[in-house]
Amino acid sequence: QVQLVESGGGLVQPGGSLRLSCAVSGTIVSNGVMAWYRRAPGKQREAVAVITSGGNVNYLESVKGRFTISRDNAKNTVYLQMNNLKPEDTAAYYCAVNFAHWGQGTQVTVSS
């Protein structure tokens, strides 16, 4: 059974940083497409960052240059480093593997 557990969310001031983690079991992160999504209140879910098995990465335009997706194959964990956070980044963040399995999400709130 594939399970994903996100952590690392919290309250941060504008301009601050957070690192989200997604610990995966039941599948190997390096063999699949890993993605971070977010859903803000009243908005549709959107893909924030994707990393393929080959290491190719793609980002939502609004987070390019601020967010970085990475994976630690030894820990079977995927990360989302978020820098220079803005209030509009406030959302529940979810990780997914192969667009089929999802974690429970972690809340990120950017506010002064």
PDB file of N, CA and C in Angstrom:
ATOM      1  N   GLN A   1       0.851  -1.193   0.000  1.00  0.00           N
ATOM      2  CA  GLN A   1       0.000   0.000   0.000  1.00  0.00           C
ATOM      3  C   GLN A   1       0.887   1.245   0.000  1.00  0.00           C
ATOM      4  N   VAL A   2       0.592   2.158  -0.896  1.00  0.00           N
ATOM      5  CA  VAL A   2       1.369   3.384  -1.004  1.00  0.00           C
ATOM      6  C   VAL A   2       0.858   4.397   0.018  1.00  0.00           C
ATOM      7  N   GLN A   3       1.775   4.943   0.794  1.00  0.00           N
ATOM      8  CA  GLN A   3       1.422   5.970   1.771  1.00  0.00           C
ATOM      9  C   GLN A   3       2.383   7.141   1.657  1.00  0.00           C
ATOM     10  N   LEU A   4       1.842   8.329   1.799  1.00  0.00           N
ATOM     11  CA  LEU A   4       2.628   9.557   1.757  1.00  0.00           C
ATOM     12  C   LEU A   4       2.272  10.381   2.989  1.00  0.00           C
ATOM     13  N   VAL A   5       3.275  10.873   3.664  1.00  0.00           N
ATOM     14  CA  VAL A   5       3.059  11.671   4.863  1.00  0.00           C
ATOM     15  C   VAL A   5       3.833  12.975   4.719  1.00  0.00           C
ATOM     16  N   GLU A   6       3.090  14.084   4.636  1.00  0.00           N
ATOM     17  CA  GLU A   6       3.709  15.395   4.522  1.00  0.00           C
ATOM     18  C   GLU A   6       3.956  15.994   5.903  1.00  0.00           C
ATOM     19  N   SER A   7       4.964  16.825   5.965  1.00  0.00           N
ATOM     20  CA  SER A   7       5.258  17.567   7.197  1.00  0.00           C
ATOM     21  C   SER A   7       6.012  18.830   6.830  1.00  0.00           C
ATOM     22  N   GLY A   8       6.137  19.728   7.799  1.00  0.00           N
ATOM     23  CA  GLY A   8       6.941  20.923   7.588  1.00  0.00           C
ATOM     24  C   GLY A   8       6.159  22.198   7.392  1.00  0.00           C
ATOM     25  N   GLY A   9       4.846  22.102   7.330  1.00  0.00           N
ATOM     26  CA  GLY A   9       4.058  23.312   7.174  1.00  0.00           C
ATOM     27  C   GLY A   9       4.036  24.139   8.445  1.00  0.00           C
ATOM     28  N   GLY A  10       3.447  25.319   8.329  1.00  0.00           N
ATOM     29  CA  GLY A  10       3.355  26.175   9.504  1.00  0.00           C
ATOM     30  C   GLY A  10       3.043  27.596   9.126  1.00  0.00           C
ATOM     31  N   LEU A  11       3.178  28.471  10.106  1.00  0.00           N
ATOM     32  CA  LEU A  11       2.945  29.904   9.923  1.00  0.00           C
ATOM     33  C   LEU A  11       4.291  30.595   9.749  1.00  0.00           C
ATOM     34  N   VAL A  12       4.411  31.395   8.710  1.00  0.00           N
ATOM     35  CA  VAL A  12       5.662  32.095   8.439  1.00  0.00           C
ATOM     36  C   VAL A  12       5.343  33.491   7.938  1.00  0.00           C
ATOM     37  N   GLN A  13       6.217  34.431   8.215  1.00  0.00           N
ATOM     38  CA  GLN A  13       6.033  35.794   7.745  1.00  0.00           C
ATOM     39  C   GLN A  13       6.403  35.912   6.267  1.00  0.00           C
ATOM     40  N   PRO A  14       5.834  36.878   5.587  1.00  0.00           N
ATOM     41  CA  PRO A  14       6.235  37.109   4.191  1.00  0.00           C
ATOM     42  C   PRO A  14       7.746  37.282   4.084  1.00  0.00           C
ATOM     43  N   GLY A  15       8.304  36.648   3.059  1.00  0.00           N
ATOM     44  CA  GLY A  15       9.751  36.655   2.884  1.00  0.00           C
ATOM     45  C   GLY A  15      10.464  35.506   3.559  1.00  0.00           C
ATOM     46  N   GLY A  16       9.745  34.764   4.370  1.00  0.00           N
ATOM     47  CA  GLY A  16      10.342  33.651   5.088  1.00  0.00           C
ATOM     48  C   GLY A  16      10.435  32.398   4.247  1.00  0.00           C
ATOM     49  N   SER A  17      10.935  31.339   4.879  1.00  0.00           N
ATOM     50  CA  SER A  17      11.148  30.071   4.191  1.00  0.00           C
ATOM     51  C   SER A  17      10.569  28.913   4.990  1.00  0.00           C
ATOM     52  N   LEU A  18      10.204  27.883   4.275  1.00  0.00           N
ATOM     53  CA  LEU A  18       9.788  26.613   4.864  1.00  0.00           C
ATOM     54  C   LEU A  18      10.284  25.489   3.963  1.00  0.00           C
ATOM     55  N   ARG A  19      10.512  24.341   4.563  1.00  0.00           N
ATOM     56  CA  ARG A  19      10.820  23.152   3.776  1.00  0.00           C
ATOM     57  C   ARG A  19       9.797  22.075   4.102  1.00  0.00           C
ATOM     58  N   LEU A  20       9.046  21.679   3.102  1.00  0.00           N
ATOM     59  CA  LEU A  20       8.083  20.609   3.263  1.00  0.00           C
ATOM     60  C   LEU A  20       8.743  19.272   2.932  1.00  0.00           C
ATOM     61  N   SER A  21       8.345  18.260   3.672  1.00  0.00           N
ATOM     62  CA  SER A  21       8.842  16.912   3.426  1.00  0.00           C
ATOM     63  C   SER A  21       7.678  15.984   3.133  1.00  0.00           C
ATOM     64  N   CYS A  22       7.934  14.987   2.317  1.00  0.00           N
ATOM     65  CA  CYS A  22       6.929  13.980   1.992  1.00  0.00           C
ATOM     66  C   CYS A  22       7.605  12.616   2.074  1.00  0.00           C
ATOM     67  N   ALA A  23       7.343  11.925   3.151  1.00  0.00           N
ATOM     68  CA  ALA A  23       7.916  10.592   3.347  1.00  0.00           C
ATOM     69  C   ALA A  23       7.007   9.564   2.680  1.00  0.00           C
ATOM     70  N   VAL A  24       7.599   8.744   1.843  1.00  0.00           N
ATOM     71  CA  VAL A  24       6.818   7.818   1.027  1.00  0.00           C
ATOM     72  C   VAL A  24       7.142   6.374   1.399  1.00  0.00           C
ATOM     73  N   SER A  25       6.138   5.547   1.464  1.00  0.00           N
ATOM     74  CA  SER A  25       6.319   4.113   1.660  1.00  0.00           C
ATOM     75  C   SER A  25       5.435   3.376   0.657  1.00  0.00           C
ATOM     76  N   GLY A  26       5.839   2.143   0.324  1.00  0.00           N
ATOM     77  CA  GLY A  26       5.060   1.341  -0.604  1.00  0.00           C
ATOM     78  C   GLY A  26       5.414   1.524  -2.059  1.00  0.00           C
ATOM     79  N   THR A  27       6.278   2.481  -2.345  1.00  0.00           N
ATOM     80  CA  THR A  27       6.782   2.679  -3.697  1.00  0.00           C
ATOM     81  C   THR A  27       8.105   3.423  -3.598  1.00  0.00           C
ATOM     82  N   ILE A  28       8.844   3.439  -4.681  1.00  0.00           N
ATOM     83  CA  ILE A  28      10.154   4.069  -4.684  1.00  0.00           C
ATOM     84  C   ILE A  28      10.064   5.410  -5.395  1.00  0.00           C
ATOM     85  N   VAL A  29      10.418   6.480  -4.694  1.00  0.00           N
ATOM     86  CA  VAL A  29      10.215   7.818  -5.254  1.00  0.00           C
ATOM     87  C   VAL A  29      11.025   8.033  -6.527  1.00  0.00           C
ATOM     88  N   SER A  30      12.190   7.404  -6.619  1.00  0.00           N
ATOM     89  CA  SER A  30      13.033   7.633  -7.784  1.00  0.00           C
ATOM     90  C   SER A  30      12.486   6.959  -9.034  1.00  0.00           C
ATOM     91  N   ASN A  31      11.520   6.081  -8.872  1.00  0.00           N
ATOM     92  CA  ASN A  31      10.942   5.376 -10.018  1.00  0.00           C
ATOM     93  C   ASN A  31       9.676   6.024 -10.556  1.00  0.00           C
ATOM     94  N   GLY A  32       9.192   7.038  -9.863  1.00  0.00           N
ATOM     95  CA  GLY A  32       7.915   7.609 -10.258  1.00  0.00           C
ATOM     96  C   GLY A  32       7.977   9.107 -10.482  1.00  0.00           C
ATOM     97  N   VAL A  33       6.848   9.658 -10.811  1.00  0.00           N
ATOM     98  CA  VAL A  33       6.701  11.108 -10.933  1.00  0.00           C
ATOM     99  C   VAL A  33       6.168  11.623  -9.601  1.00  0.00           C
ATOM    100  N   MET A  34       6.949  12.475  -8.970  1.00  0.00           N
ATOM    101  CA  MET A  34       6.554  13.043  -7.691  1.00  0.00           C
ATOM    102  C   MET A  34       6.139  14.489  -7.915  1.00  0.00           C
ATOM    103  N   ALA A  35       5.097  14.897  -7.221  1.00  0.00           N
ATOM    104  CA  ALA A  35       4.596  16.255  -7.412  1.00  0.00           C
ATOM    105  C   ALA A  35       4.122  16.844  -6.098  1.00  0.00           C
ATOM    106  N   TRP A  36       4.208  18.136  -6.015  1.00  0.00           N
ATOM    107  CA  TRP A  36       3.601  18.906  -4.928  1.00  0.00           C
ATOM    108  C   TRP A  36       2.458  19.726  -5.526  1.00  0.00           C
ATOM    109  N   TYR A  37       1.324  19.661  -4.859  1.00  0.00           N
ATOM    110  CA  TYR A  37       0.155  20.439  -5.233  1.00  0.00           C
ATOM    111  C   TYR A  37      -0.209  21.340  -4.063  1.00  0.00           C
ATOM    112  N   ARG A  38      -1.058  22.303  -4.346  1.00  0.00           N
ATOM    113  CA  ARG A  38      -1.608  23.113  -3.272  1.00  0.00           C
ATOM    114  C   ARG A  38      -3.043  23.497  -3.598  1.00  0.00           C
ATOM    115  N   ARG A  39      -3.789  23.719  -2.542  1.00  0.00           N
ATOM    116  CA  ARG A  39      -5.171  24.187  -2.698  1.00  0.00           C
ATOM    117  C   ARG A  39      -5.418  25.278  -1.665  1.00  0.00           C
ATOM    118  N   ALA A  40      -5.704  26.451  -2.179  1.00  0.00           N
ATOM    119  CA  ALA A  40      -6.042  27.578  -1.315  1.00  0.00           C
ATOM    120  C   ALA A  40      -7.557  27.634  -1.143  1.00  0.00           C
ATOM    121  N   PRO A  41      -8.037  28.206  -0.057  1.00  0.00           N
ATOM    122  CA  PRO A  41      -9.482  28.298   0.165  1.00  0.00           C
ATOM    123  C   PRO A  41     -10.172  28.979  -1.011  1.00  0.00           C
ATOM    124  N   GLY A  42     -11.216  28.340  -1.521  1.00  0.00           N
ATOM    125  CA  GLY A  42     -11.983  28.923  -2.605  1.00  0.00           C
ATOM    126  C   GLY A  42     -11.349  28.808  -3.977  1.00  0.00           C
ATOM    127  N   LYS A  43     -10.214  28.127  -4.051  1.00  0.00           N
ATOM    128  CA  LYS A  43      -9.516  27.994  -5.335  1.00  0.00           C
ATOM    129  C   LYS A  43      -9.349  26.530  -5.699  1.00  0.00           C
ATOM    130  N   GLN A  44      -9.076  26.295  -6.963  1.00  0.00           N
ATOM    131  CA  GLN A  44      -8.837  24.937  -7.414  1.00  0.00           C
ATOM    132  C   GLN A  44      -7.422  24.494  -7.050  1.00  0.00           C
ATOM    133  N   ARG A  45      -7.280  23.196  -6.940  1.00  0.00           N
ATOM    134  CA  ARG A  45      -5.954  22.627  -6.702  1.00  0.00           C
ATOM    135  C   ARG A  45      -5.050  22.921  -7.896  1.00  0.00           C
ATOM    136  N   GLU A  46      -3.795  23.231  -7.606  1.00  0.00           N
ATOM    137  CA  GLU A  46      -2.849  23.492  -8.688  1.00  0.00           C
ATOM    138  C   GLU A  46      -1.533  22.783  -8.411  1.00  0.00           C
ATOM    139  N   ALA A  47      -0.906  22.335  -9.482  1.00  0.00           N
ATOM    140  CA  ALA A  47       0.393  21.692  -9.364  1.00  0.00           C
ATOM    141  C   ALA A  47       1.451  22.766  -9.158  1.00  0.00           C
ATOM    142  N   VAL A  48       2.267  22.596  -8.151  1.00  0.00           N
ATOM    143  CA  VAL A  48       3.295  23.575  -7.817  1.00  0.00           C
ATOM    144  C   VAL A  48       4.645  23.166  -8.389  1.00  0.00           C
ATOM    145  N   ALA A  49       4.980  21.896  -8.246  1.00  0.00           N
ATOM    146  CA  ALA A  49       6.287  21.418  -8.700  1.00  0.00           C
ATOM    147  C   ALA A  49       6.209  19.927  -8.981  1.00  0.00           C
ATOM    148  N   VAL A  50       6.954  19.518  -9.990  1.00  0.00           N
ATOM    149  CA  VAL A  50       6.969  18.113 -10.397  1.00  0.00           C
ATOM    150  C   VAL A  50       8.410  17.695 -10.654  1.00  0.00           C
ATOM    151  N   ILE A  51       8.744  16.476 -10.243  1.00  0.00           N
ATOM    152  CA  ILE A  51      10.050  15.909 -10.572  1.00  0.00           C
ATOM    153  C   ILE A  51       9.821  14.511 -11.109  1.00  0.00           C
ATOM    154  N   THR A  52      10.420  14.232 -12.265  1.00  0.00           N
ATOM    155  CA  THR A  52      10.227  12.931 -12.893  1.00  0.00           C
ATOM    156  C   THR A  52      11.300  11.953 -12.431  1.00  0.00           C
ATOM    157  N   SER A  53      11.130  10.701 -12.841  1.00  0.00           N
ATOM    158  CA  SER A  53      12.121   9.688 -12.483  1.00  0.00           C
ATOM    159  C   SER A  53      13.481  10.030 -13.077  1.00  0.00           C
ATOM    160  N   GLY A  54      13.477  10.746 -14.195  1.00  0.00           N
ATOM    161  CA  GLY A  54      14.735  11.138 -14.816  1.00  0.00           C
ATOM    162  C   GLY A  54      15.341  12.394 -14.237  1.00  0.00           C
ATOM    163  N   GLY A  55      14.650  12.999 -13.285  1.00  0.00           N
ATOM    164  CA  GLY A  55      15.185  14.190 -12.631  1.00  0.00           C
ATOM    165  C   GLY A  55      14.748  15.502 -13.256  1.00  0.00           C
ATOM    166  N   ASN A  56      13.910  15.433 -14.270  1.00  0.00           N
ATOM    167  CA  ASN A  56      13.404  16.671 -14.854  1.00  0.00           C
ATOM    168  C   ASN A  56      12.420  17.326 -13.897  1.00  0.00           C
ATOM    169  N   VAL A  57      12.494  18.637 -13.810  1.00  0.00           N
ATOM    170  CA  VAL A  57      11.618  19.364 -12.889  1.00  0.00           C
ATOM    171  C   VAL A  57      10.835  20.425 -13.647  1.00  0.00           C
ATOM    172  N   ASN A  58       9.636  20.688 -13.142  1.00  0.00           N
ATOM    173  CA  ASN A  58       8.800  21.758 -13.680  1.00  0.00           C
ATOM    174  C   ASN A  58       8.116  22.458 -12.519  1.00  0.00           C
ATOM    175  N   TYR A  59       7.894  23.745 -12.688  1.00  0.00           N
ATOM    176  CA  TYR A  59       7.313  24.556 -11.625  1.00  0.00           C
ATOM    177  C   TYR A  59       6.160  25.407 -12.145  1.00  0.00           C
ATOM    178  N   LEU A  60       5.232  25.661 -11.248  1.00  0.00           N
ATOM    179  CA  LEU A  60       4.212  26.654 -11.495  1.00  0.00           C
ATOM    180  C   LEU A  60       4.907  27.990 -11.715  1.00  0.00           C
ATOM    181  N   GLU A  61       4.454  28.741 -12.690  1.00  0.00           N
ATOM    182  CA  GLU A  61       5.146  29.975 -13.055  1.00  0.00           C
ATOM    183  C   GLU A  61       5.338  30.911 -11.865  1.00  0.00           C
ATOM    184  N   SER A  62       4.351  30.983 -11.015  1.00  0.00           N
ATOM    185  CA  SER A  62       4.395  31.953  -9.914  1.00  0.00           C
ATOM    186  C   SER A  62       5.385  31.577  -8.810  1.00  0.00           C
ATOM    187  N   VAL A  63       5.907  30.349  -8.844  1.00  0.00           N
ATOM    188  CA  VAL A  63       6.859  29.947  -7.801  1.00  0.00           C
ATOM    189  C   VAL A  63       8.265  29.736  -8.347  1.00  0.00           C
ATOM    190  N   LYS A  64       8.434  29.902  -9.653  1.00  0.00           N
ATOM    191  CA  LYS A  64       9.763  29.726 -10.240  1.00  0.00           C
ATOM    192  C   LYS A  64      10.761  30.693  -9.606  1.00  0.00           C
ATOM    193  N   GLY A  65      11.916  30.157  -9.278  1.00  0.00           N
ATOM    194  CA  GLY A  65      12.945  30.963  -8.648  1.00  0.00           C
ATOM    195  C   GLY A  65      12.815  31.064  -7.139  1.00  0.00           C
ATOM    196  N   ARG A  66      11.689  30.603  -6.605  1.00  0.00           N
ATOM    197  CA  ARG A  66      11.479  30.652  -5.152  1.00  0.00           C
ATOM    198  C   ARG A  66      11.362  29.260  -4.544  1.00  0.00           C
ATOM    199  N   PHE A  67      10.772  28.327  -5.261  1.00  0.00           N
ATOM    200  CA  PHE A  67      10.556  26.965  -4.761  1.00  0.00           C
ATOM    201  C   PHE A  67      11.497  26.000  -5.476  1.00  0.00           C
ATOM    202  N   THR A  68      11.912  24.967  -4.754  1.00  0.00           N
ATOM    203  CA  THR A  68      12.755  23.929  -5.329  1.00  0.00           C
ATOM    204  C   THR A  68      12.265  22.568  -4.868  1.00  0.00           C
ATOM    205  N   ILE A  69      11.986  21.689  -5.818  1.00  0.00           N
ATOM    206  CA  ILE A  69      11.608  20.318  -5.493  1.00  0.00           C
ATOM    207  C   ILE A  69      12.850  19.437  -5.590  1.00  0.00           C
ATOM    208  N   SER A  70      12.955  18.509  -4.660  1.00  0.00           N
ATOM    209  CA  SER A  70      14.095  17.595  -4.680  1.00  0.00           C
ATOM    210  C   SER A  70      13.679  16.284  -4.031  1.00  0.00           C
ATOM    211  N   ARG A  71      14.510  15.292  -4.164  1.00  0.00           N
ATOM    212  CA  ARG A  71      14.212  14.009  -3.524  1.00  0.00           C
ATOM    213  C   ARG A  71      15.495  13.405  -2.962  1.00  0.00           C
ATOM    214  N   ASP A  72      15.323  12.672  -1.893  1.00  0.00           N
ATOM    215  CA  ASP A  72      16.410  11.926  -1.270  1.00  0.00           C
ATOM    216  C   ASP A  72      16.069  10.457  -1.450  1.00  0.00           C
ATOM    217  N   ASN A  73      16.740   9.816  -2.392  1.00  0.00           N
ATOM    218  CA  ASN A  73      16.406   8.427  -2.704  1.00  0.00           C
ATOM    219  C   ASN A  73      16.677   7.500  -1.524  1.00  0.00           C
ATOM    220  N   ALA A  74      17.701   7.800  -0.764  1.00  0.00           N
ATOM    221  CA  ALA A  74      18.037   6.942   0.372  1.00  0.00           C
ATOM    222  C   ALA A  74      16.945   6.980   1.439  1.00  0.00           C
ATOM    223  N   LYS A  75      16.316   8.146   1.576  1.00  0.00           N
ATOM    224  CA  LYS A  75      15.249   8.295   2.574  1.00  0.00           C
ATOM    225  C   LYS A  75      13.867   8.104   1.963  1.00  0.00           C
ATOM    226  N   ASN A  76      13.826   7.918   0.650  1.00  0.00           N
ATOM    227  CA  ASN A  76      12.551   7.785  -0.059  1.00  0.00           C
ATOM    228  C   ASN A  76      11.611   8.942   0.285  1.00  0.00           C
ATOM    229  N   THR A  77      12.161  10.119   0.217  1.00  0.00           N
ATOM    230  CA  THR A  77      11.453  11.330   0.648  1.00  0.00           C
ATOM    231  C   THR A  77      11.617  12.407  -0.418  1.00  0.00           C
ATOM    232  N   VAL A  78      10.560  13.174  -0.591  1.00  0.00           N
ATOM    233  CA  VAL A  78      10.569  14.298  -1.522  1.00  0.00           C
ATOM    234  C   VAL A  78      10.403  15.577  -0.719  1.00  0.00           C
ATOM    235  N   TYR A  79      11.073  16.613  -1.157  1.00  0.00           N
ATOM    236  CA  TYR A  79      11.055  17.882  -0.435  1.00  0.00           C
ATOM    237  C   TYR A  79      10.563  19.012  -1.338  1.00  0.00           C
ATOM    238  N   LEU A  80      10.060  20.043  -0.694  1.00  0.00           N
ATOM    239  CA  LEU A  80       9.758  21.288  -1.385  1.00  0.00           C
ATOM    240  C   LEU A  80      10.333  22.417  -0.538  1.00  0.00           C
ATOM    241  N   GLN A  81      11.425  22.979  -1.008  1.00  0.00           N
ATOM    242  CA  GLN A  81      12.022  24.136  -0.344  1.00  0.00           C
ATOM    243  C   GLN A  81      11.331  25.384  -0.865  1.00  0.00           C
ATOM    244  N   MET A  82      10.775  26.149   0.036  1.00  0.00           N
ATOM    245  CA  MET A  82      10.029  27.341  -0.340  1.00  0.00           C
ATOM    246  C   MET A  82      10.685  28.561   0.287  1.00  0.00           C
ATOM    247  N   ASN A  83      11.183  29.443  -0.548  1.00  0.00           N
ATOM    248  CA  ASN A  83      11.837  30.675  -0.098  1.00  0.00           C
ATOM    249  C   ASN A  83      11.036  31.889  -0.525  1.00  0.00           C
ATOM    250  N   ASN A  84      11.311  32.996   0.127  1.00  0.00           N
ATOM    251  CA  ASN A  84      10.639  34.260  -0.207  1.00  0.00           C
ATOM    252  C   ASN A  84       9.127  34.062  -0.315  1.00  0.00           C
ATOM    253  N   LEU A  85       8.573  33.465   0.699  1.00  0.00           N
ATOM    254  CA  LEU A  85       7.148  33.149   0.679  1.00  0.00           C
ATOM    255  C   LEU A  85       6.294  34.403   0.671  1.00  0.00           C
ATOM    256  N   LYS A  86       5.163  34.299  -0.011  1.00  0.00           N
ATOM    257  CA  LYS A  86       4.239  35.418  -0.153  1.00  0.00           C
ATOM    258  C   LYS A  86       2.871  35.007   0.412  1.00  0.00           C
ATOM    259  N   PRO A  87       2.062  35.965   0.796  1.00  0.00           N
ATOM    260  CA  PRO A  87       0.735  35.622   1.318  1.00  0.00           C
ATOM    261  C   PRO A  87      -0.070  34.755   0.355  1.00  0.00           C
ATOM    262  N   GLU A  88       0.121  34.960  -0.932  1.00  0.00           N
ATOM    263  CA  GLU A  88      -0.622  34.161  -1.914  1.00  0.00           C
ATOM    264  C   GLU A  88      -0.162  32.718  -2.000  1.00  0.00           C
ATOM    265  N   ASP A  89       0.905  32.371  -1.299  1.00  0.00           N
ATOM    266  CA  ASP A  89       1.337  30.982  -1.213  1.00  0.00           C
ATOM    267  C   ASP A  89       0.568  30.213  -0.129  1.00  0.00           C
ATOM    268  N   THR A  90      -0.227  30.921   0.632  1.00  0.00           N
ATOM    269  CA  THR A  90      -0.999  30.279   1.686  1.00  0.00           C
ATOM    270  C   THR A  90      -1.949  29.238   1.088  1.00  0.00           C
ATOM    271  N   ALA A  91      -1.833  28.006   1.570  1.00  0.00           N
ATOM    272  CA  ALA A  91      -2.636  26.903   1.031  1.00  0.00           C
ATOM    273  C   ALA A  91      -2.316  25.635   1.806  1.00  0.00           C
ATOM    274  N   ALA A  92      -3.124  24.628   1.563  1.00  0.00           N
ATOM    275  CA  ALA A  92      -2.777  23.277   1.993  1.00  0.00           C
ATOM    276  C   ALA A  92      -1.943  22.655   0.884  1.00  0.00           C
ATOM    277  N   TYR A  93      -0.805  22.107   1.272  1.00  0.00           N
ATOM    278  CA  TYR A  93       0.120  21.522   0.302  1.00  0.00           C
ATOM    279  C   TYR A  93       0.084  19.999   0.410  1.00  0.00           C
ATOM    280  N   TYR A  94       0.023  19.360  -0.742  1.00  0.00           N
ATOM    281  CA  TYR A  94      -0.073  17.911  -0.809  1.00  0.00           C
ATOM    282  C   TYR A  94       1.019  17.358  -1.725  1.00  0.00           C
ATOM    283  N   CYS A  95       1.528  16.204  -1.390  1.00  0.00           N
ATOM    284  CA  CYS A  95       2.418  15.536  -2.336  1.00  0.00           C
ATOM    285  C   CYS A  95       1.686  14.350  -2.946  1.00  0.00           C
ATOM    286  N   ALA A  96       2.147  13.984  -4.120  1.00  0.00           N
ATOM    287  CA  ALA A  96       1.513  12.908  -4.857  1.00  0.00           C
ATOM    288  C   ALA A  96       2.573  12.106  -5.601  1.00  0.00           C
ATOM    289  N   VAL A  97       2.302  10.838  -5.789  1.00  0.00           N
ATOM    290  CA  VAL A  97       3.180   9.986  -6.574  1.00  0.00           C
ATOM    291  C   VAL A  97       2.397   9.443  -7.752  1.00  0.00           C
ATOM    292  N   ASN A  98       2.949   9.634  -8.929  1.00  0.00           N
ATOM    293  CA  ASN A  98       2.325   9.175 -10.167  1.00  0.00           C
ATOM    294  C   ASN A  98       0.896   9.676 -10.339  1.00  0.00           C
ATOM    295  N   PHE A  99       0.601  10.810  -9.734  1.00  0.00           N
ATOM    296  CA  PHE A  99      -0.712  11.461  -9.839  1.00  0.00           C
ATOM    297  C   PHE A  99      -1.847  10.525  -9.395  1.00  0.00           C
ATOM    298  N   ALA A 100      -1.497   9.545  -8.580  1.00  0.00           N
ATOM    299  CA  ALA A 100      -2.495   8.551  -8.191  1.00  0.00           C
ATOM    300  C   ALA A 100      -2.626   8.375  -6.689  1.00  0.00           C
ATOM    301  N   HIS A 101      -1.576   8.629  -5.973  1.00  0.00           N
ATOM    302  CA  HIS A 101      -1.575   8.471  -4.519  1.00  0.00           C
ATOM    303  C   HIS A 101      -1.226   9.803  -3.885  1.00  0.00           C
ATOM    304  N   TRP A 102      -1.948  10.115  -2.794  1.00  0.00           N
ATOM    305  CA  TRP A 102      -1.845  11.440  -2.205  1.00  0.00           C
ATOM    306  C   TRP A 102      -1.635  11.345  -0.700  1.00  0.00           C
ATOM    307  N   GLY A 103      -0.961  12.370  -0.194  1.00  0.00           N
ATOM    308  CA  GLY A 103      -0.832  12.481   1.241  1.00  0.00           C
ATOM    309  C   GLY A 103      -2.005  13.253   1.826  1.00  0.00           C
ATOM    310  N   GLN A 104      -1.961  13.465   3.139  1.00  0.00           N
ATOM    311  CA  GLN A 104      -3.069  14.122   3.826  1.00  0.00           C
ATOM    312  C   GLN A 104      -2.946  15.637   3.795  1.00  0.00           C
ATOM    313  N   GLY A 105      -1.780  16.133   3.421  1.00  0.00           N
ATOM    314  CA  GLY A 105      -1.588  17.567   3.295  1.00  0.00           C
ATOM    315  C   GLY A 105      -0.984  18.199   4.530  1.00  0.00           C
ATOM    316  N   THR A 106      -0.358  19.346   4.317  1.00  0.00           N
ATOM    317  CA  THR A 106       0.190  20.150   5.402  1.00  0.00           C
ATOM    318  C   THR A 106      -0.103  21.615   5.093  1.00  0.00           C
ATOM    319  N   GLN A 107      -0.519  22.341   6.108  1.00  0.00           N
ATOM    320  CA  GLN A 107      -0.963  23.718   5.913  1.00  0.00           C
ATOM    321  C   GLN A 107       0.223  24.682   5.955  1.00  0.00           C
ATOM    322  N   VAL A 108       0.258  25.573   4.983  1.00  0.00           N
ATOM    323  CA  VAL A 108       1.243  26.655   4.948  1.00  0.00           C
ATOM    324  C   VAL A 108       0.473  27.973   4.990  1.00  0.00           C
ATOM    325  N   THR A 109       0.789  28.792   5.972  1.00  0.00           N
ATOM    326  CA  THR A 109       0.154  30.096   6.107  1.00  0.00           C
ATOM    327  C   THR A 109       1.226  31.165   6.128  1.00  0.00           C
ATOM    328  N   VAL A 110       1.121  32.094   5.190  1.00  0.00           N
ATOM    329  CA  VAL A 110       2.096  33.191   5.096  1.00  0.00           C
ATOM    330  C   VAL A 110       1.377  34.474   5.478  1.00  0.00           C
ATOM    331  N   SER A 111       1.752  35.014   6.616  1.00  0.00           N
ATOM    332  CA  SER A 111       1.059  36.182   7.136  1.00  0.00           C
ATOM    333  C   SER A 111       1.947  36.918   8.120  1.00  0.00           C
ATOM    334  N   SER A 112       1.771  38.236   8.147  1.00  0.00           N
ATOM    335  CA  SER A 112       2.502  39.034   9.129  1.00  0.00           C
ATOM    336  C   SER A 112       1.648  39.259  10.366  1.00  0.00           C
TER     337      SER A 112
END
